[in-house]
Amino acid sequence: IDDIIDGTVAAMGKCTGFNIYNLGESRPVSVNDLVVEIENALGKKATKEYLPPQPGDVERTYADVTKAARELGYKPSTTIQTGLAKFTAWLRQQP
């Protein structure tokens, strides 16, 4: 979330009209890899049921941050692993 906050603040500071910026992880991550990373962060195995792909399903997702990098100086620095570790640490502290 730190990277997204940095990008959002940078976009707000630019505020010269209506622009759309992609903010997020700039490296592709497959859904399966993301599930493995979540399992690792939580220390638990997910129960998975693989079904045929549905219309609109994506195998990999990432944000093309080229415009945000060029116009805002946006450069995500938090890895999926670090972000999930921070999130799960926060989650475990919630009542």
C-alpha atoms as a PDB file:
ATOM      1  CA  ILE A   1       0.000   0.000   0.000  1.00  0.00           C
ATOM      2  CA  ASP A   2       2.985   2.327   0.554  1.00  0.00           C
ATOM      3  CA  ASP A   3       3.698   2.442  -3.186  1.00  0.00           C
ATOM      4  CA  ILE A   4       0.056   3.215  -3.975  1.00  0.00           C
ATOM      5  CA  ILE A   5      -0.017   6.025  -1.408  1.00  0.00           C
ATOM      6  CA  ASP A   6       3.180   7.513  -2.871  1.00  0.00           C
ATOM      7  CA  GLY A   7       1.714   7.374  -6.380  1.00  0.00           C
ATOM      8  CA  THR A   8      -1.611   8.846  -5.280  1.00  0.00           C
ATOM      9  CA  VAL A   9       0.071  11.731  -3.453  1.00  0.00           C
ATOM     10  CA  ALA A  10       2.272  12.404  -6.494  1.00  0.00           C
ATOM     11  CA  ALA A  11      -0.796  12.414  -8.776  1.00  0.00           C
ATOM     12  CA  MET A  12      -2.639  14.787  -6.430  1.00  0.00           C
ATOM     13  CA  GLY A  13       0.355  17.125  -6.471  1.00  0.00           C
ATOM     14  CA  LYS A  14       0.355  17.174 -10.266  1.00  0.00           C
ATOM     15  CA  CYS A  15      -3.410  17.783 -10.566  1.00  0.00           C
ATOM     16  CA  THR A  16      -3.466  19.422 -14.006  1.00  0.00           C
ATOM     17  CA  GLY A  17      -6.748  18.032 -15.232  1.00  0.00           C
ATOM     18  CA  PHE A  18      -8.081  14.542 -15.498  1.00  0.00           C
ATOM     19  CA  ASN A  19      -5.371  11.924 -15.936  1.00  0.00           C
ATOM     20  CA  ILE A  20      -5.483   8.207 -15.363  1.00  0.00           C
ATOM     21  CA  TYR A  21      -2.445   6.472 -13.876  1.00  0.00           C
ATOM     22  CA  ASN A  22      -1.902   2.777 -13.291  1.00  0.00           C
ATOM     23  CA  LEU A  23      -0.338   2.237  -9.881  1.00  0.00           C
ATOM     24  CA  GLY A  24       0.730  -1.111  -8.547  1.00  0.00           C
ATOM     25  CA  GLU A  25       3.159  -3.949  -9.077  1.00  0.00           C
ATOM     26  CA  SER A  26       4.971  -3.494 -12.376  1.00  0.00           C
ATOM     27  CA  ARG A  27       6.070  -7.139 -12.660  1.00  0.00           C
ATOM     28  CA  PRO A  28       3.613  -9.806 -13.804  1.00  0.00           C
ATOM     29  CA  VAL A  29       2.374 -12.155 -11.080  1.00  0.00           C
ATOM     30  CA  SER A  30       0.278 -15.205 -11.887  1.00  0.00           C
ATOM     31  CA  VAL A  31      -2.767 -15.963  -9.779  1.00  0.00           C
ATOM     32  CA  ASN A  32      -1.169 -19.251  -8.704  1.00  0.00           C
ATOM     33  CA  ASP A  33       2.039 -17.478  -7.661  1.00  0.00           C
ATOM     34  CA  LEU A  34       0.017 -14.914  -5.712  1.00  0.00           C
ATOM     35  CA  VAL A  35      -1.816 -17.696  -3.866  1.00  0.00           C
ATOM     36  CA  VAL A  36       1.536 -19.309  -2.985  1.00  0.00           C
ATOM     37  CA  GLU A  37       2.832 -15.976  -1.660  1.00  0.00           C
ATOM     38  CA  ILE A  38      -0.316 -15.514   0.446  1.00  0.00           C
ATOM     39  CA  GLU A  39       0.078 -19.061   1.791  1.00  0.00           C
ATOM     40  CA  ASN A  40       3.697 -18.297   2.707  1.00  0.00           C
ATOM     41  CA  ALA A  41       2.783 -15.022   4.406  1.00  0.00           C
ATOM     42  CA  LEU A  42       0.002 -16.630   6.444  1.00  0.00           C
ATOM     43  CA  GLY A  43       1.846 -19.878   7.106  1.00  0.00           C
ATOM     44  CA  LYS A  44      -1.206 -21.820   5.936  1.00  0.00           C
ATOM     45  CA  LYS A  45      -2.102 -23.813   2.850  1.00  0.00           C
ATOM     46  CA  ALA A  46      -5.127 -22.727   0.843  1.00  0.00           C
ATOM     47  CA  THR A  47      -7.788 -25.173  -0.202  1.00  0.00           C
ATOM     48  CA  LYS A  48      -7.786 -24.902  -3.986  1.00  0.00           C
ATOM     49  CA  GLU A  49     -10.280 -26.131  -6.512  1.00  0.00           C
ATOM     50  CA  TYR A  50      -9.205 -25.688 -10.118  1.00  0.00           C
ATOM     51  CA  LEU A  51     -12.034 -25.054 -12.564  1.00  0.00           C
ATOM     52  CA  PRO A  52     -12.028 -24.283 -16.291  1.00  0.00           C
ATOM     53  CA  PRO A  53     -11.255 -20.632 -17.076  1.00  0.00           C
ATOM     54  CA  GLN A  54     -14.287 -18.375 -17.231  1.00  0.00           C
ATOM     55  CA  PRO A  55     -14.780 -15.514 -19.707  1.00  0.00           C
ATOM     56  CA  GLY A  56     -12.794 -12.554 -18.447  1.00  0.00           C
ATOM     57  CA  ASP A  57     -10.445 -14.591 -16.232  1.00  0.00           C
ATOM     58  CA  VAL A  58      -6.831 -13.443 -16.304  1.00  0.00           C
ATOM     59  CA  GLU A  59      -3.835 -15.705 -15.763  1.00  0.00           C
ATOM     60  CA  ARG A  60      -1.437 -12.902 -14.919  1.00  0.00           C
ATOM     61  CA  THR A  61      -1.945  -9.349 -13.850  1.00  0.00           C
ATOM     62  CA  TYR A  62       0.305  -6.342 -13.461  1.00  0.00           C
ATOM     63  CA  ALA A  63       0.124  -2.591 -13.751  1.00  0.00           C
ATOM     64  CA  ASP A  64       1.762  -0.823 -16.689  1.00  0.00           C
ATOM     65  CA  VAL A  65       3.237   2.041 -14.687  1.00  0.00           C
ATOM     66  CA  THR A  66       5.080   3.631 -17.642  1.00  0.00           C
ATOM     67  CA  LYS A  67       2.976   6.810 -17.651  1.00  0.00           C
ATOM     68  CA  ALA A  68       3.093   7.176 -13.857  1.00  0.00           C
ATOM     69  CA  ALA A  69       6.869   6.660 -13.898  1.00  0.00           C
ATOM     70  CA  ARG A  70       7.350   9.228 -16.656  1.00  0.00           C
ATOM     71  CA  GLU A  71       4.971  11.899 -15.357  1.00  0.00           C
ATOM     72  CA  LEU A  72       5.068  11.353 -11.587  1.00  0.00           C
ATOM     73  CA  GLY A  73       8.418   9.694 -10.981  1.00  0.00           C
ATOM     74  CA  TYR A  74       6.497   6.679  -9.661  1.00  0.00           C
ATOM     75  CA  LYS A  75       8.680   3.676  -8.977  1.00  0.00           C
ATOM     76  CA  PRO A  76       7.135   0.855  -6.945  1.00  0.00           C
ATOM     77  CA  SER A  77       9.651  -0.579  -4.499  1.00  0.00           C
ATOM     78  CA  THR A  78       7.587  -2.913  -2.330  1.00  0.00           C
ATOM     79  CA  THR A  79       7.728  -6.538  -3.433  1.00  0.00           C
ATOM     80  CA  ILE A  80       4.688  -8.788  -3.222  1.00  0.00           C
ATOM     81  CA  GLN A  81       6.429 -10.695  -0.426  1.00  0.00           C
ATOM     82  CA  THR A  82       7.169  -7.560   1.616  1.00  0.00           C
ATOM     83  CA  GLY A  83       3.688  -6.133   1.085  1.00  0.00           C
ATOM     84  CA  LEU A  84       2.019  -9.371   2.149  1.00  0.00           C
ATOM     85  CA  ALA A  85       4.299  -9.672   5.185  1.00  0.00           C
ATOM     86  CA  LYS A  86       3.352  -6.147   6.290  1.00  0.00           C
ATOM     87  CA  PHE A  87      -0.336  -6.807   5.647  1.00  0.00           C
ATOM     88  CA  THR A  88      -0.405 -10.103   7.544  1.00  0.00           C
ATOM     89  CA  ALA A  89       1.460  -8.527  10.472  1.00  0.00           C
ATOM     90  CA  TRP A  90      -1.196  -5.804  10.565  1.00  0.00           C
ATOM     91  CA  LEU A  91      -4.009  -8.349  10.127  1.00  0.00           C
ATOM     92  CA  ARG A  92      -2.809 -10.423  13.068  1.00  0.00           C
ATOM     93  CA  GLN A  93      -2.962  -7.368  15.330  1.00  0.00           C
ATOM     94  CA  GLN A  94      -6.646  -6.754  14.564  1.00  0.00           C
ATOM     95  CA  PRO A  95      -9.241  -7.851  17.134  1.00  0.00           C
END
